[in-house]
PDB file of N, CA and C in Angstrom:
ATOM      1  N   MET A   1      71.775  91.309  96.392  1.00  0.00           N
ATOM      2  CA  MET A   1      72.623  90.406  97.296  1.00  0.00           C
ATOM      3  C   MET A   1      73.529  90.900  98.409  1.00  0.00           C
ATOM      4  N   GLY A   2      72.960  92.247  98.669  1.00  0.00           N
ATOM      5  CA  GLY A   2      73.796  92.956  99.924  1.00  0.00           C
ATOM      6  C   GLY A   2      74.764  93.708  99.231  1.00  0.00           C
ATOM      7  N   LYS A   3      75.969  93.283  99.088  1.00  0.00           N
ATOM      8  CA  LYS A   3      77.098  94.229  98.748  1.00  0.00           C
ATOM      9  C   LYS A   3      76.914  94.542  97.416  1.00  0.00           C
ATOM     10  N   SER A   4      77.579  95.839  96.940  1.00  0.00           N
ATOM     11  CA  SER A   4      77.818  96.261  95.669  1.00  0.00           C
ATOM     12  C   SER A   4      79.237  96.238  95.376  1.00  0.00           C
ATOM     13  N   TYR A   5      79.544  95.777  94.029  1.00  0.00           N
ATOM     14  CA  TYR A   5      80.808  95.313  93.623  1.00  0.00           C
ATOM     15  C   TYR A   5      81.024  96.324  92.299  1.00  0.00           C
ATOM     16  N   ASP A   6      81.161  97.661  92.642  1.00  0.00           N
ATOM     17  CA  ASP A   6      81.368  98.708  91.619  1.00  0.00           C
ATOM     18  C   ASP A   6      82.701  99.019  91.513  1.00  0.00           C
ATOM     19  N   GLN A   7      83.675  98.232  92.109  1.00  0.00           N
ATOM     20  CA  GLN A   7      85.072  98.637  92.034  1.00  0.00           C
ATOM     21  C   GLN A   7      85.652  98.293  90.489  1.00  0.00           C
ATOM     22  N   ASP A   8      86.976  98.612  90.399  1.00  0.00           N
ATOM     23  CA  ASP A   8      87.483  98.444  89.111  1.00  0.00           C
ATOM     24  C   ASP A   8      87.457  97.111  88.463  1.00  0.00           C
ATOM     25  N   PHE A   9      87.516  96.773  87.337  1.00  0.00           N
ATOM     26  CA  PHE A   9      87.232  95.522  86.545  1.00  0.00           C
ATOM     27  C   PHE A   9      88.466  95.336  85.795  1.00  0.00           C
ATOM     28  N   SER A  10      88.934  93.918  86.119  1.00  0.00           N
ATOM     29  CA  SER A  10      90.225  93.490  85.611  1.00  0.00           C
ATOM     30  C   SER A  10      89.981  92.400  84.542  1.00  0.00           C
ATOM     31  N   ILE A  11      90.503  92.363  83.277  1.00  0.00           N
ATOM     32  CA  ILE A  11      90.340  91.405  82.038  1.00  0.00           C
ATOM     33  C   ILE A  11      91.606  90.705  81.779  1.00  0.00           C
ATOM     34  N   LEU A  12      91.477  89.293  81.769  1.00  0.00           N
ATOM     35  CA  LEU A  12      92.386  88.541  81.240  1.00  0.00           C
ATOM     36  C   LEU A  12      91.813  88.012  79.829  1.00  0.00           C
ATOM     37  N   SER A  13      92.269  88.514  78.804  1.00  0.00           N
ATOM     38  CA  SER A  13      91.652  88.349  77.522  1.00  0.00           C
ATOM     39  C   SER A  13      92.055  86.865  76.998  1.00  0.00           C
ATOM     40  N   GLU A  14      91.155  86.288  75.870  1.00  0.00           N
ATOM     41  CA  GLU A  14      91.404  85.309  75.259  1.00  0.00           C
ATOM     42  C   GLU A  14      92.873  85.186  74.665  1.00  0.00           C
ATOM     43  N   GLY A  15      93.573  84.276  74.792  1.00  0.00           N
ATOM     44  CA  GLY A  15      94.990  83.992  74.423  1.00  0.00           C
ATOM     45  C   GLY A  15      95.787  84.277  75.495  1.00  0.00           C
ATOM     46  N   VAL A  16      95.665  85.047  76.531  1.00  0.00           N
ATOM     47  CA  VAL A  16      96.444  85.082  77.628  1.00  0.00           C
ATOM     48  C   VAL A  16      96.431  83.911  78.597  1.00  0.00           C
ATOM     49  N   LYS A  17      97.561  83.415  79.009  1.00  0.00           N
ATOM     50  CA  LYS A  17      97.758  82.153  79.961  1.00  0.00           C
ATOM     51  C   LYS A  17      98.383  82.824  81.248  1.00  0.00           C
ATOM     52  N   PHE A  18      97.849  82.379  82.529  1.00  0.00           N
ATOM     53  CA  PHE A  18      98.025  82.898  83.628  1.00  0.00           C
ATOM     54  C   PHE A  18      98.556  81.554  84.566  1.00  0.00           C
ATOM     55  N   GLU A  19      99.617  81.734  85.304  1.00  0.00           N
ATOM     56  CA  GLU A  19      99.843  80.672  86.238  1.00  0.00           C
ATOM     57  C   GLU A  19     100.291  81.316  87.622  1.00  0.00           C
ATOM     58  N   GLY A  20      99.676  80.854  88.602  1.00  0.00           N
ATOM     59  CA  GLY A  20      99.992  81.286  90.071  1.00  0.00           C
ATOM     60  C   GLY A  20      98.905  81.795  90.717  1.00  0.00           C
ATOM     61  N   LYS A  21      98.865  82.788  91.502  1.00  0.00           N
ATOM     62  CA  LYS A  21      97.861  83.134  92.513  1.00  0.00           C
ATOM     63  C   LYS A  21      97.512  84.710  92.015  1.00  0.00           C
ATOM     64  N   LEU A  22      96.123  84.787  91.921  1.00  0.00           N
ATOM     65  CA  LEU A  22      95.582  86.121  91.630  1.00  0.00           C
ATOM     66  C   LEU A  22      94.482  86.591  92.644  1.00  0.00           C
ATOM     67  N   SER A  23      94.783  87.668  93.110  1.00  0.00           N
ATOM     68  CA  SER A  23      94.069  88.251  94.131  1.00  0.00           C
ATOM     69  C   SER A  23      93.410  89.505  93.782  1.00  0.00           C
ATOM     70  N   SER A  24      92.009  89.798  93.869  1.00  0.00           N
ATOM     71  CA  SER A  24      91.291  91.156  93.562  1.00  0.00           C
ATOM     72  C   SER A  24      90.474  91.571  94.590  1.00  0.00           C
ATOM     73  N   ASN A  25      90.186  92.749  94.825  1.00  0.00           N
ATOM     74  CA  ASN A  25      89.166  93.350  95.609  1.00  0.00           C
ATOM     75  C   ASN A  25      88.078  93.720  94.764  1.00  0.00           C
ATOM     76  N   GLY A  26      88.341  93.845  93.482  1.00  0.00           N
ATOM     77  CA  GLY A  26      87.190  94.365  92.519  1.00  0.00           C
ATOM     78  C   GLY A  26      86.884  93.338  91.619  1.00  0.00           C
ATOM     79  N   ASN A  27      86.395  93.418  90.433  1.00  0.00           N
ATOM     80  CA  ASN A  27      85.678  92.404  89.496  1.00  0.00           C
ATOM     81  C   ASN A  27      86.762  92.102  88.627  1.00  0.00           C
ATOM     82  N   VAL A  28      86.493  90.673  88.118  1.00  0.00           N
ATOM     83  CA  VAL A  28      87.594  90.168  87.285  1.00  0.00           C
ATOM     84  C   VAL A  28      86.548  89.302  86.102  1.00  0.00           C
ATOM     85  N   ARG A  29      87.167  89.507  84.996  1.00  0.00           N
ATOM     86  CA  ARG A  29      86.570  88.594  83.834  1.00  0.00           C
ATOM     87  C   ARG A  29      87.900  87.904  83.216  1.00  0.00           C
ATOM     88  N   ILE A  30      87.647  86.677  83.061  1.00  0.00           N
ATOM     89  CA  ILE A  30      88.906  85.754  82.590  1.00  0.00           C
ATOM     90  C   ILE A  30      88.313  85.280  81.183  1.00  0.00           C
ATOM     91  N   ASP A  31      88.826  85.338  80.022  1.00  0.00           N
ATOM     92  CA  ASP A  31      88.530  84.702  78.865  1.00  0.00           C
ATOM     93  C   ASP A  31      89.638  83.803  78.329  1.00  0.00           C
ATOM     94  N   GLY A  32      90.788  83.840  79.076  1.00  0.00           N
ATOM     95  CA  GLY A  32      91.938  82.958  78.763  1.00  0.00           C
ATOM     96  C   GLY A  32      92.075  81.849  79.281  1.00  0.00           C
ATOM     97  N   GLU A  33      93.319  81.318  79.713  1.00  0.00           N
ATOM     98  CA  GLU A  33      93.547  80.223  80.507  1.00  0.00           C
ATOM     99  C   GLU A  33      94.435  80.472  81.880  1.00  0.00           C
ATOM    100  N   PHE A  34      94.135  79.693  82.917  1.00  0.00           N
ATOM    101  CA  PHE A  34      94.887  79.974  84.070  1.00  0.00           C
ATOM    102  C   PHE A  34      94.877  78.645  84.717  1.00  0.00           C
ATOM    103  N   GLU A  35      96.032  78.419  85.704  1.00  0.00           N
ATOM    104  CA  GLU A  35      96.279  77.504  86.644  1.00  0.00           C
ATOM    105  C   GLU A  35      96.726  77.875  87.859  1.00  0.00           C
ATOM    106  N   GLY A  36      95.960  77.661  88.902  1.00  0.00           N
ATOM    107  CA  GLY A  36      96.369  78.177  90.157  1.00  0.00           C
ATOM    108  C   GLY A  36      95.287  78.430  91.064  1.00  0.00           C
ATOM    109  N   GLU A  37      95.505  79.746  91.663  1.00  0.00           N
ATOM    110  CA  GLU A  37      94.493  79.975  92.859  1.00  0.00           C
ATOM    111  C   GLU A  37      93.905  81.401  92.282  1.00  0.00           C
ATOM    112  N   LEU A  38      92.591  81.707  92.273  1.00  0.00           N
ATOM    113  CA  LEU A  38      91.924  82.895  92.054  1.00  0.00           C
ATOM    114  C   LEU A  38      91.121  83.318  93.297  1.00  0.00           C
ATOM    115  N   ILE A  39      91.375  84.477  94.003  1.00  0.00           N
ATOM    116  CA  ILE A  39      90.699  84.999  95.112  1.00  0.00           C
ATOM    117  C   ILE A  39      90.101  86.279  94.801  1.00  0.00           C
ATOM    118  N   VAL A  40      88.824  86.395  94.593  1.00  0.00           N
ATOM    119  CA  VAL A  40      88.304  87.605  94.023  1.00  0.00           C
ATOM    120  C   VAL A  40      87.090  88.014  95.087  1.00  0.00           C
ATOM    121  N   ASN A  41      87.336  89.312  95.615  1.00  0.00           N
ATOM    122  CA  ASN A  41      86.120  89.565  96.699  1.00  0.00           C
ATOM    123  C   ASN A  41      85.107  90.504  95.980  1.00  0.00           C
ATOM    124  N   GLY A  42      85.030  90.261  94.695  1.00  0.00           N
ATOM    125  CA  GLY A  42      84.113  91.089  93.930  1.00  0.00           C
ATOM    126  C   GLY A  42      83.309  89.961  92.983  1.00  0.00           C
ATOM    127  N   ASN A  43      83.002  90.258  91.854  1.00  0.00           N
ATOM    128  CA  ASN A  43      82.415  89.438  90.989  1.00  0.00           C
ATOM    129  C   ASN A  43      83.328  88.770  90.009  1.00  0.00           C
ATOM    130  N   LEU A  44      83.282  87.556  89.733  1.00  0.00           N
ATOM    131  CA  LEU A  44      84.147  86.959  88.674  1.00  0.00           C
ATOM    132  C   LEU A  44      83.367  86.267  87.552  1.00  0.00           C
ATOM    133  N   THR A  45      83.753  86.654  86.285  1.00  0.00           N
ATOM    134  CA  THR A  45      83.169  86.209  85.233  1.00  0.00           C
ATOM    135  C   THR A  45      84.249  85.162  84.292  1.00  0.00           C
ATOM    136  N   LEU A  46      83.642  84.063  84.176  1.00  0.00           N
ATOM    137  CA  LEU A  46      84.682  82.984  83.408  1.00  0.00           C
ATOM    138  C   LEU A  46      83.967  82.820  81.997  1.00  0.00           C
ATOM    139  N   GLY A  47      84.600  83.558  81.065  1.00  0.00           N
ATOM    140  CA  GLY A  47      83.842  83.225  79.794  1.00  0.00           C
ATOM    141  C   GLY A  47      83.808  82.108  79.082  1.00  0.00           C
ATOM    142  N   ASP A  48      83.082  82.017  77.981  1.00  0.00           N
ATOM    143  CA  ASP A  48      82.765  80.579  77.557  1.00  0.00           C
ATOM    144  C   ASP A  48      84.205  79.937  76.934  1.00  0.00           C
ATOM    145  N   LYS A  49      85.239  80.617  76.597  1.00  0.00           N
ATOM    146  CA  LYS A  49      86.507  80.359  76.172  1.00  0.00           C
ATOM    147  C   LYS A  49      87.455  79.968  76.993  1.00  0.00           C
ATOM    148  N   SER A  50      87.209  80.477  78.407  1.00  0.00           N
ATOM    149  CA  SER A  50      88.114  80.281  79.395  1.00  0.00           C
ATOM    150  C   SER A  50      88.494  78.907  79.830  1.00  0.00           C
ATOM    151  N   LYS A  51      89.622  78.594  80.377  1.00  0.00           N
ATOM    152  CA  LYS A  51      90.119  77.267  80.749  1.00  0.00           C
ATOM    153  C   LYS A  51      90.712  77.410  81.867  1.00  0.00           C
ATOM    154  N   GLY A  52      90.420  76.635  83.136  1.00  0.00           N
ATOM    155  CA  GLY A  52      91.129  76.793  84.332  1.00  0.00           C
ATOM    156  C   GLY A  52      91.217  75.526  85.022  1.00  0.00           C
ATOM    157  N   LYS A  53      92.394  75.607  85.775  1.00  0.00           N
ATOM    158  CA  LYS A  53      92.661  74.447  86.736  1.00  0.00           C
ATOM    159  C   LYS A  53      93.085  74.836  88.038  1.00  0.00           C
ATOM    160  N   GLY A  54      92.479  74.467  89.105  1.00  0.00           N
ATOM    161  CA  GLY A  54      92.983  74.949  90.578  1.00  0.00           C
ATOM    162  C   GLY A  54      91.666  75.332  91.410  1.00  0.00           C
ATOM    163  N   SER A  55      91.823  76.376  92.189  1.00  0.00           N
ATOM    164  CA  SER A  55      91.176  76.825  93.173  1.00  0.00           C
ATOM    165  C   SER A  55      90.477  78.296  92.953  1.00  0.00           C
ATOM    166  N   ILE A  56      89.203  78.331  92.966  1.00  0.00           N
ATOM    167  CA  ILE A  56      88.616  79.556  92.555  1.00  0.00           C
ATOM    168  C   ILE A  56      87.678  79.980  93.815  1.00  0.00           C
ATOM    169  N   LYS A  57      87.720  81.290  94.153  1.00  0.00           N
ATOM    170  CA  LYS A  57      87.051  81.884  95.453  1.00  0.00           C
ATOM    171  C   LYS A  57      86.590  83.230  94.927  1.00  0.00           C
ATOM    172  N   ALA A  58      85.271  83.332  95.128  1.00  0.00           N
ATOM    173  CA  ALA A  58      84.722  84.835  94.725  1.00  0.00           C
ATOM    174  C   ALA A  58      83.509  85.003  95.223  1.00  0.00           C
ATOM    175  N   ALA A  59      82.903  86.296  95.355  1.00  0.00           N
ATOM    176  CA  ALA A  59      81.732  86.562  96.025  1.00  0.00           C
ATOM    177  C   ALA A  59      80.569  86.079  95.034  1.00  0.00           C
ATOM    178  N   ASN A  60      80.479  86.355  93.813  1.00  0.00           N
ATOM    179  CA  ASN A  60      79.752  85.873  92.915  1.00  0.00           C
ATOM    180  C   ASN A  60      80.215  85.412  91.564  1.00  0.00           C
ATOM    181  N   ILE A  61      80.072  84.240  91.219  1.00  0.00           N
ATOM    182  CA  ILE A  61      80.806  83.809  89.976  1.00  0.00           C
ATOM    183  C   ILE A  61      79.749  83.406  88.894  1.00  0.00           C
ATOM    184  N   THR A  62      80.069  83.703  87.585  1.00  0.00           N
ATOM    185  CA  THR A  62      79.412  83.398  86.495  1.00  0.00           C
ATOM    186  C   THR A  62      80.279  82.622  85.742  1.00  0.00           C
ATOM    187  N   CYS A  63      80.148  81.205  85.395  1.00  0.00           N
ATOM    188  CA  CYS A  63      81.049  80.519  84.544  1.00  0.00           C
ATOM    189  C   CYS A  63      80.468  80.002  83.250  1.00  0.00           C
ATOM    190  N   GLY A  64      81.153  80.230  82.356  1.00  0.00           N
ATOM    191  CA  GLY A  64      80.797  79.708  81.002  1.00  0.00           C
ATOM    192  C   GLY A  64      81.802  78.848  80.320  1.00  0.00           C
ATOM    193  N   GLY A  65      82.958  78.692  81.017  1.00  0.00           N
ATOM    194  CA  GLY A  65      84.095  77.804  80.535  1.00  0.00           C
ATOM    195  C   GLY A  65      84.251  76.548  81.170  1.00  0.00           C
ATOM    196  N   SER A  66      85.634  75.983  80.958  1.00  0.00           N
ATOM    197  CA  SER A  66      85.847  74.971  81.445  1.00  0.00           C
ATOM    198  C   SER A  66      86.819  75.091  82.646  1.00  0.00           C
ATOM    199  N   ILE A  67      86.412  74.324  84.071  1.00  0.00           N
ATOM    200  CA  ILE A  67      87.119  74.354  85.110  1.00  0.00           C
ATOM    201  C   ILE A  67      87.242  72.851  85.635  1.00  0.00           C
ATOM    202  N   ASN A  68      88.553  72.727  86.015  1.00  0.00           N
ATOM    203  CA  ASN A  68      88.981  71.497  86.700  1.00  0.00           C
ATOM    204  C   ASN A  68      89.511  71.852  88.149  1.00  0.00           C
ATOM    205  N   GLY A  69      88.807  71.590  89.175  1.00  0.00           N
ATOM    206  CA  GLY A  69      89.297  72.076  90.503  1.00  0.00           C
ATOM    207  C   GLY A  69      88.084  72.414  91.432  1.00  0.00           C
ATOM    208  N   SER A  70      88.220  73.179  92.317  1.00  0.00           N
ATOM    209  CA  SER A  70      87.189  73.786  93.253  1.00  0.00           C
ATOM    210  C   SER A  70      86.869  74.990  92.994  1.00  0.00           C
ATOM    211  N   VAL A  71      85.452  75.286  92.986  1.00  0.00           N
ATOM    212  CA  VAL A  71      84.753  76.659  92.670  1.00  0.00           C
ATOM    213  C   VAL A  71      83.876  76.873  94.083  1.00  0.00           C
ATOM    214  N   GLU A  72      84.289  78.108  94.620  1.00  0.00           N
ATOM    215  CA  GLU A  72      83.399  78.430  95.962  1.00  0.00           C
ATOM    216  C   GLU A  72      83.111  80.101  95.815  1.00  0.00           C
ATOM    217  N   ALA A  73      81.862  80.053  95.619  1.00  0.00           N
ATOM    218  CA  ALA A  73      81.115  81.419  95.718  1.00  0.00           C
ATOM    219  C   ALA A  73      80.519  81.854  97.119  1.00  0.00           C
ATOM    220  N   SER A  74      80.752  82.883  97.582  1.00  0.00           N
ATOM    221  CA  SER A  74      80.461  83.288  98.962  1.00  0.00           C
ATOM    222  C   SER A  74      78.946  83.656  98.914  1.00  0.00           C
ATOM    223  N   GLU A  75      78.456  83.985  97.780  1.00  0.00           N
ATOM    224  CA  GLU A  75      77.059  84.294  97.421  1.00  0.00           C
ATOM    225  C   GLU A  75      76.373  83.479  96.234  1.00  0.00           C
ATOM    226  N   LYS A  76      76.614  83.658  95.095  1.00  0.00           N
ATOM    227  CA  LYS A  76      75.862  82.939  93.837  1.00  0.00           C
ATOM    228  C   LYS A  76      77.060  82.659  93.031  1.00  0.00           C
ATOM    229  N   LEU A  77      76.563  81.280  92.630  1.00  0.00           N
ATOM    230  CA  LEU A  77      77.443  80.734  91.350  1.00  0.00           C
ATOM    231  C   LEU A  77      76.437  80.325  90.379  1.00  0.00           C
ATOM    232  N   VAL A  78      76.742  80.938  89.235  1.00  0.00           N
ATOM    233  CA  VAL A  78      75.896  80.715  87.943  1.00  0.00           C
ATOM    234  C   VAL A  78      76.615  79.715  86.940  1.00  0.00           C
ATOM    235  N   LEU A  79      76.311  78.626  86.545  1.00  0.00           N
ATOM    236  CA  LEU A  79      76.783  77.745  85.527  1.00  0.00           C
ATOM    237  C   LEU A  79      75.925  78.155  84.204  1.00  0.00           C
ATOM    238  N   ASP A  80      76.716  78.839  83.145  1.00  0.00           N
ATOM    239  CA  ASP A  80      76.004  79.062  81.923  1.00  0.00           C
ATOM    240  C   ASP A  80      75.800  77.881  81.071  1.00  0.00           C
ATOM    241  N   THR A  81      75.262  77.806  80.075  1.00  0.00           N
ATOM    242  CA  THR A  81      75.029  76.742  79.189  1.00  0.00           C
ATOM    243  C   THR A  81      76.281  76.059  78.713  1.00  0.00           C
ATOM    244  N   THR A  82      77.488  76.840  78.548  1.00  0.00           N
ATOM    245  CA  THR A  82      78.509  76.265  77.992  1.00  0.00           C
ATOM    246  C   THR A  82      79.590  75.774  79.028  1.00  0.00           C
ATOM    247  N   ALA A  83      79.228  76.032  80.360  1.00  0.00           N
ATOM    248  CA  ALA A  83      80.081  75.792  81.564  1.00  0.00           C
ATOM    249  C   ALA A  83      80.320  74.275  81.442  1.00  0.00           C
ATOM    250  N   LYS A  84      81.656  73.853  81.897  1.00  0.00           N
ATOM    251  CA  LYS A  84      82.094  72.504  81.960  1.00  0.00           C
ATOM    252  C   LYS A  84      82.985  72.520  83.329  1.00  0.00           C
ATOM    253  N   ILE A  85      82.421  72.016  84.471  1.00  0.00           N
ATOM    254  CA  ILE A  85      83.126  71.908  85.689  1.00  0.00           C
ATOM    255  C   ILE A  85      83.346  70.345  85.966  1.00  0.00           C
ATOM    256  N   GLU A  86      84.616  70.201  86.415  1.00  0.00           N
ATOM    257  CA  GLU A  86      84.821  68.908  87.008  1.00  0.00           C
ATOM    258  C   GLU A  86      85.387  69.124  88.408  1.00  0.00           C
ATOM    259  N   GLY A  87      84.821  68.827  89.546  1.00  0.00           N
ATOM    260  CA  GLY A  87      85.411  69.069  90.954  1.00  0.00           C
ATOM    261  C   GLY A  87      84.357  69.192  91.988  1.00  0.00           C
ATOM    262  N   GLU A  88      84.810  70.265  92.729  1.00  0.00           N
ATOM    263  CA  GLU A  88      84.020  70.402  93.902  1.00  0.00           C
ATOM    264  C   GLU A  88      83.352  72.009  93.667  1.00  0.00           C
ATOM    265  N   ILE A  89      82.221  72.239  93.998  1.00  0.00           N
ATOM    266  CA  ILE A  89      81.495  73.598  94.028  1.00  0.00           C
ATOM    267  C   ILE A  89      80.778  73.987  95.141  1.00  0.00           C
ATOM    268  N   SER A  90      80.773  75.034  95.732  1.00  0.00           N
ATOM    269  CA  SER A  90      80.146  75.414  96.827  1.00  0.00           C
ATOM    270  C   SER A  90      79.568  76.900  96.694  1.00  0.00           C
ATOM    271  N   ALA A  91      78.368  77.116  97.143  1.00  0.00           N
ATOM    272  CA  ALA A  91      77.628  78.443  96.865  1.00  0.00           C
ATOM    273  C   ALA A  91      76.602  78.560  98.022  1.00  0.00           C
ATOM    274  N   LYS A  92      76.259  79.829  98.198  1.00  0.00           N
ATOM    275  CA  LYS A  92      75.094  80.152  99.128  1.00  0.00           C
ATOM    276  C   LYS A  92      73.867  79.857  97.993  1.00  0.00           C
ATOM    277  N   ILE A  93      73.927  80.305  96.745  1.00  0.00           N
ATOM    278  CA  ILE A  93      72.989  80.108  95.757  1.00  0.00           C
ATOM    279  C   ILE A  93      73.623  79.423  94.509  1.00  0.00           C
ATOM    280  N   LEU A  94      72.957  78.506  94.110  1.00  0.00           N
ATOM    281  CA  LEU A  94      73.678  77.646  92.890  1.00  0.00           C
ATOM    282  C   LEU A  94      72.494  77.842  91.788  1.00  0.00           C
ATOM    283  N   VAL A  95      72.821  78.301  90.534  1.00  0.00           N
ATOM    284  CA  VAL A  95      72.005  78.233  89.332  1.00  0.00           C
ATOM    285  C   VAL A  95      72.954  77.524  88.393  1.00  0.00           C
ATOM    286  N   ILE A  96      72.244  76.401  87.800  1.00  0.00           N
ATOM    287  CA  ILE A  96      72.817  75.506  86.779  1.00  0.00           C
ATOM    288  C   ILE A  96      71.739  75.535  85.417  1.00  0.00           C
ATOM    289  N   ASN A  97      72.241  76.312  84.566  1.00  0.00           N
ATOM    290  CA  ASN A  97      71.429  76.376  83.218  1.00  0.00           C
ATOM    291  C   ASN A  97      71.578  75.094  82.480  1.00  0.00           C
ATOM    292  N   GLU A  98      70.375  75.036  81.607  1.00  0.00           N
ATOM    293  CA  GLU A  98      70.487  73.710  80.684  1.00  0.00           C
ATOM    294  C   GLU A  98      71.579  74.025  79.825  1.00  0.00           C
ATOM    295  N   GLY A  99      72.195  72.552  79.708  1.00  0.00           N
ATOM    296  CA  GLY A  99      73.436  72.409  78.771  1.00  0.00           C
ATOM    297  C   GLY A  99      74.609  72.518  79.621  1.00  0.00           C
ATOM    298  N   ALA A 100      74.739  72.979  80.758  1.00  0.00           N
ATOM    299  CA  ALA A 100      75.839  73.057  81.606  1.00  0.00           C
ATOM    300  C   ALA A 100      76.257  71.707  82.140  1.00  0.00           C
ATOM    301  N   ASN A 101      77.567  71.420  82.065  1.00  0.00           N
ATOM    302  CA  ASN A 101      78.024  70.228  82.457  1.00  0.00           C
ATOM    303  C   ASN A 101      78.897  70.082  83.871  1.00  0.00           C
ATOM    304  N   PHE A 102      78.324  69.528  84.741  1.00  0.00           N
ATOM    305  CA  PHE A 102      79.108  69.404  86.087  1.00  0.00           C
ATOM    306  C   PHE A 102      79.330  67.925  86.584  1.00  0.00           C
ATOM    307  N   LYS A 103      80.497  67.799  87.054  1.00  0.00           N
ATOM    308  CA  LYS A 103      80.689  66.267  87.541  1.00  0.00           C
ATOM    309  C   LYS A 103      81.731  66.517  88.683  1.00  0.00           C
ATOM    310  N   GLY A 104      81.026  66.092  90.005  1.00  0.00           N
ATOM    311  CA  GLY A 104      81.734  66.372  91.116  1.00  0.00           C
ATOM    312  C   GLY A 104      80.768  66.357  92.173  1.00  0.00           C
ATOM    313  N   THR A 105      80.973  67.289  93.118  1.00  0.00           N
ATOM    314  CA  THR A 105      80.263  67.367  94.492  1.00  0.00           C
ATOM    315  C   THR A 105      79.935  68.968  94.570  1.00  0.00           C
ATOM    316  N   SER A 106      78.768  69.159  95.127  1.00  0.00           N
ATOM    317  CA  SER A 106      78.278  70.430  95.426  1.00  0.00           C
ATOM    318  C   SER A 106      77.846  70.645  96.863  1.00  0.00           C
ATOM    319  N   ASN A 107      77.896  71.782  97.290  1.00  0.00           N
ATOM    320  CA  ASN A 107      77.581  72.020  98.746  1.00  0.00           C
ATOM    321  C   ASN A 107      77.005  73.414  98.642  1.00  0.00           C
ATOM    322  N   MET A 108      75.494  73.594  99.136  1.00  0.00           N
ATOM    323  CA  MET A 108      75.036  74.940  99.391  1.00  0.00           C
ATOM    324  C   MET A 108      74.968  75.051 100.490  1.00  0.00           C
ATOM    325  N   ASN A 109      75.452  76.078 101.280  1.00  0.00           N
ATOM    326  CA  ASN A 109      75.576  76.290 102.647  1.00  0.00           C
ATOM    327  C   ASN A 109      75.494  77.901 102.968  1.00  0.00           C
ATOM    328  N   LYS A 110      74.744  78.067 103.876  1.00  0.00           N
ATOM    329  CA  LYS A 110      74.711  79.637 104.194  1.00  0.00           C
ATOM    330  C   LYS A 110      75.828  80.026 104.912  1.00  0.00           C
ATOM    331  N   GLU A 111      76.723  79.125 105.484  1.00  0.00           N
ATOM    332  CA  GLU A 111      78.016  79.530 106.089  1.00  0.00           C
ATOM    333  C   GLU A 111      79.030  80.009 105.207  1.00  0.00           C
ATOM    334  N   THR A 112      78.809  79.645 103.745  1.00  0.00           N
ATOM    335  CA  THR A 112      79.806  79.979 102.690  1.00  0.00           C
ATOM    336  C   THR A 112      79.839  81.492 102.568  1.00  0.00           C
ATOM    337  N   ALA A 113      78.782  82.145 103.205  1.00  0.00           N
ATOM    338  CA  ALA A 113      78.504  83.587 102.870  1.00  0.00           C
ATOM    339  C   ALA A 113      79.661  84.433 103.455  1.00  0.00           C
ATOM    340  N   ASN A 114      80.626  83.989 103.982  1.00  0.00           N
ATOM    341  CA  ASN A 114      81.788  84.970 104.371  1.00  0.00           C
ATOM    342  C   ASN A 114      82.625  85.430 103.262  1.00  0.00           C
ATOM    343  N   SER A 115      83.328  86.416 103.704  1.00  0.00           N
ATOM    344  CA  SER A 115      84.288  87.249 102.742  1.00  0.00           C
ATOM    345  C   SER A 115      85.457  86.372 102.572  1.00  0.00           C
ATOM    346  N   PHE A 116      86.264  86.249 101.532  1.00  0.00           N
ATOM    347  CA  PHE A 116      87.540  85.490 101.330  1.00  0.00           C
ATOM    348  C   PHE A 116      88.623  86.467 101.798  1.00  0.00           C
ATOM    349  N   GLU A 117      88.651  87.593 102.314  1.00  0.00           N
ATOM    350  CA  GLU A 117      89.694  88.411 102.752  1.00  0.00           C
ATOM    351  C   GLU A 117      90.496  87.460 103.861  1.00  0.00           C
ATOM    352  N   ASP A 118      89.919  86.677 104.590  1.00  0.00           N
ATOM    353  CA  ASP A 118      90.718  86.274 105.539  1.00  0.00           C
ATOM    354  C   ASP A 118      91.689  84.894 105.110  1.00  0.00           C
ATOM    355  N   ASN A 119      91.454  84.564 103.712  1.00  0.00           N
ATOM    356  CA  ASN A 119      92.370  83.516 103.247  1.00  0.00           C
ATOM    357  C   ASN A 119      93.381  83.865 102.608  1.00  0.00           C
ATOM    358  N   GLU A 120      93.697  85.300 102.640  1.00  0.00           N
ATOM    359  CA  GLU A 120      94.661  85.734 101.842  1.00  0.00           C
ATOM    360  C   GLU A 120      95.953  85.843 102.573  1.00  0.00           C
TER     361      GLU A 120
END
């Protein structure tokens, strides 16, 4: 998909609760709970135990958890079988696996393919 995201990897483990704004130029994995804004210019993985509320923006997103809010991937958004999303999703490429639960609106737009660096 063009860019390589081999930078550092940050992890918020299960049992960790985060509130506020998180920005990263590397890859991030979240297995805990968060509320607020996530801006990741790499890959974002939301584990099947993750729970979130707010705004999420990343280059590539794999979601297995429960999200209430907006999810925007500049490249690819994958909803795993355990994903539960309520809100707005936007991606250049959208993959919804059997068993995923999505309630809301979706937008697949090539214009989404911009970096989120301008939004910081």
